């Protein structure tokens, strides 16, 4: 389970996606909420958390 936990952290923890251009950025959630982080590509500051794919 350690490998799965490490992979989960690498892929989903502290990763946000720009709502304008869909660029992924790794950042502290507190800084995202405060609006201190800007997108490298489009210079926007509206992000969402990266979503996991639904599995059945």
N, C-alpha and C. Protein backbone atom coordinates (compact mmCIF):
# COMPACT_ATOMS: atom_id res chain seq x y z
N UNK A 1 0.81 -1.20 0.00
CA UNK A 1 0.00 0.00 0.00
C UNK A 1 0.85 1.27 0.00
N UNK A 2 2.10 1.15 0.36
CA UNK A 2 2.95 2.34 0.42
C UNK A 2 3.15 2.92 -0.97
N UNK A 3 3.32 2.06 -1.98
CA UNK A 3 3.50 2.56 -3.34
C UNK A 3 2.26 3.28 -3.82
N UNK A 4 1.08 2.75 -3.52
CA UNK A 4 -0.16 3.39 -3.94
C UNK A 4 -0.35 4.73 -3.25
N UNK A 5 0.00 4.79 -2.00
CA UNK A 5 -0.14 6.05 -1.26
C UNK A 5 0.82 7.11 -1.81
N UNK A 6 2.03 6.72 -2.12
CA UNK A 6 3.01 7.66 -2.67
C UNK A 6 2.56 8.13 -4.05
N UNK A 7 2.02 7.24 -4.86
CA UNK A 7 1.54 7.62 -6.18
C UNK A 7 0.35 8.56 -6.07
N UNK A 8 -0.55 8.30 -5.13
CA UNK A 8 -1.71 9.17 -4.93
C UNK A 8 -1.26 10.58 -4.56
N UNK A 9 -0.30 10.67 -3.63
CA UNK A 9 0.19 11.99 -3.23
C UNK A 9 0.83 12.72 -4.39
N UNK A 10 1.62 12.01 -5.20
CA UNK A 10 2.30 12.64 -6.32
C UNK A 10 1.32 13.13 -7.37
N UNK A 11 0.24 12.39 -7.60
CA UNK A 11 -0.68 12.72 -8.68
C UNK A 11 -1.80 13.69 -8.30
N UNK A 12 -2.22 13.70 -7.03
CA UNK A 12 -3.42 14.46 -6.68
C UNK A 12 -3.28 15.47 -5.54
N UNK A 13 -2.31 15.30 -4.66
CA UNK A 13 -2.21 16.19 -3.50
C UNK A 13 -1.51 17.48 -3.90
N UNK A 14 -2.11 18.61 -3.58
CA UNK A 14 -1.58 19.95 -3.85
C UNK A 14 -1.41 20.24 -5.33
N UNK A 15 -2.20 19.60 -6.19
CA UNK A 15 -2.16 19.90 -7.62
C UNK A 15 -3.47 20.57 -7.99
N UNK A 16 -3.35 21.70 -8.68
CA UNK A 16 -4.50 22.48 -9.09
C UNK A 16 -4.46 22.70 -10.59
N UNK A 17 -5.64 22.91 -11.18
CA UNK A 17 -5.77 23.08 -12.62
C UNK A 17 -6.38 24.45 -12.88
N UNK A 18 -5.77 25.20 -13.79
CA UNK A 18 -6.29 26.51 -14.17
C UNK A 18 -7.63 26.33 -14.87
N UNK A 19 -8.61 27.12 -14.50
CA UNK A 19 -9.93 27.00 -15.11
C UNK A 19 -9.99 27.60 -16.50
N UNK A 20 -9.05 28.45 -16.86
CA UNK A 20 -9.05 29.06 -18.19
C UNK A 20 -8.33 28.21 -19.22
N UNK A 21 -7.11 27.73 -18.88
CA UNK A 21 -6.28 27.05 -19.88
C UNK A 21 -5.94 25.61 -19.52
N UNK A 22 -6.43 25.10 -18.39
CA UNK A 22 -6.24 23.71 -17.96
C UNK A 22 -4.78 23.33 -17.69
N UNK A 23 -3.96 24.29 -17.32
CA UNK A 23 -2.58 24.00 -16.96
C UNK A 23 -2.52 23.52 -15.52
N UNK A 24 -1.72 22.48 -15.26
CA UNK A 24 -1.57 21.94 -13.91
C UNK A 24 -0.45 22.68 -13.18
N UNK A 25 -0.70 23.00 -11.90
CA UNK A 25 0.27 23.69 -11.07
C UNK A 25 0.26 23.05 -9.69
N UNK A 26 1.45 22.77 -9.15
CA UNK A 26 1.56 22.27 -7.79
C UNK A 26 1.81 23.46 -6.87
N UNK A 27 0.91 23.64 -5.89
CA UNK A 27 1.03 24.79 -4.99
C UNK A 27 0.35 24.49 -3.67
N UNK A 28 0.65 25.30 -2.69
CA UNK A 28 0.05 25.20 -1.38
C UNK A 28 -1.42 25.65 -1.48
N UNK A 29 -2.37 24.86 -0.96
CA UNK A 29 -3.79 25.22 -1.04
C UNK A 29 -4.12 26.57 -0.39
N UNK A 30 -3.40 26.93 0.65
CA UNK A 30 -3.65 28.21 1.31
C UNK A 30 -3.34 29.37 0.37
N UNK A 31 -2.23 29.27 -0.37
CA UNK A 31 -1.87 30.33 -1.31
C UNK A 31 -2.85 30.40 -2.47
N UNK A 32 -3.38 29.25 -2.89
CA UNK A 32 -4.39 29.24 -3.96
C UNK A 32 -5.64 29.96 -3.48
N UNK A 33 -6.08 29.67 -2.25
CA UNK A 33 -7.28 30.30 -1.70
C UNK A 33 -7.12 31.81 -1.53
N UNK A 34 -5.92 32.23 -1.19
CA UNK A 34 -5.66 33.66 -1.01
C UNK A 34 -5.48 34.39 -2.33
N UNK A 35 -5.32 33.67 -3.43
CA UNK A 35 -5.17 34.28 -4.73
C UNK A 35 -3.76 34.75 -5.04
N UNK A 36 -2.77 34.20 -4.33
CA UNK A 36 -1.38 34.62 -4.51
C UNK A 36 -0.70 33.92 -5.69
N UNK A 37 -1.26 32.82 -6.15
CA UNK A 37 -0.65 32.03 -7.22
C UNK A 37 -1.30 32.43 -8.55
N UNK A 38 -0.46 32.62 -9.58
CA UNK A 38 -0.96 32.92 -10.92
C UNK A 38 -0.52 31.82 -11.87
N UNK A 39 -1.32 31.60 -12.88
CA UNK A 39 -1.02 30.60 -13.90
C UNK A 39 0.19 31.06 -14.71
N UNK A 40 1.08 30.11 -15.01
CA UNK A 40 2.27 30.44 -15.80
C UNK A 40 1.92 30.76 -17.24
N UNK A 41 0.86 30.14 -17.72
CA UNK A 41 0.53 30.24 -19.14
C UNK A 41 -0.36 31.44 -19.46
N UNK A 42 -1.47 31.61 -18.73
CA UNK A 42 -2.44 32.65 -19.07
C UNK A 42 -2.49 33.79 -18.04
N UNK A 43 -1.72 33.67 -16.96
CA UNK A 43 -1.65 34.69 -15.90
C UNK A 43 -2.95 34.84 -15.12
N UNK A 44 -3.86 33.86 -15.22
CA UNK A 44 -5.09 33.89 -14.44
C UNK A 44 -4.84 33.40 -13.03
N UNK A 45 -5.78 33.61 -12.13
CA UNK A 45 -5.62 33.12 -10.76
C UNK A 45 -6.85 32.38 -10.26
N UNK A 46 -7.57 31.73 -11.15
CA UNK A 46 -8.73 30.93 -10.78
C UNK A 46 -8.38 29.47 -11.03
N UNK A 47 -8.37 28.67 -9.95
CA UNK A 47 -7.95 27.28 -10.04
C UNK A 47 -9.00 26.37 -9.43
N UNK A 48 -8.90 25.09 -9.77
CA UNK A 48 -9.71 24.04 -9.14
C UNK A 48 -8.77 22.90 -8.79
N UNK A 49 -9.18 22.04 -7.88
CA UNK A 49 -8.38 20.88 -7.53
C UNK A 49 -8.44 19.86 -8.67
N UNK A 50 -7.38 19.09 -8.84
CA UNK A 50 -7.37 18.07 -9.87
C UNK A 50 -8.33 16.96 -9.48
N UNK A 51 -9.14 16.51 -10.44
CA UNK A 51 -10.14 15.49 -10.20
C UNK A 51 -9.60 14.11 -10.50
N UNK A 52 -10.07 13.13 -9.73
CA UNK A 52 -9.71 11.74 -10.00
C UNK A 52 -10.73 11.16 -10.97
N UNK A 53 -10.29 10.22 -11.78
CA UNK A 53 -11.21 9.55 -12.69
C UNK A 53 -12.09 8.58 -11.90
N UNK A 54 -13.35 8.52 -12.26
CA UNK A 54 -14.28 7.61 -11.60
C UNK A 54 -14.04 6.19 -12.09
N UNK A 55 -13.97 5.25 -11.18
CA UNK A 55 -13.79 3.84 -11.54
C UNK A 55 -14.92 3.03 -10.96
N UNK A 56 -15.28 1.98 -11.68
CA UNK A 56 -16.35 1.11 -11.19
C UNK A 56 -15.82 -0.21 -10.75
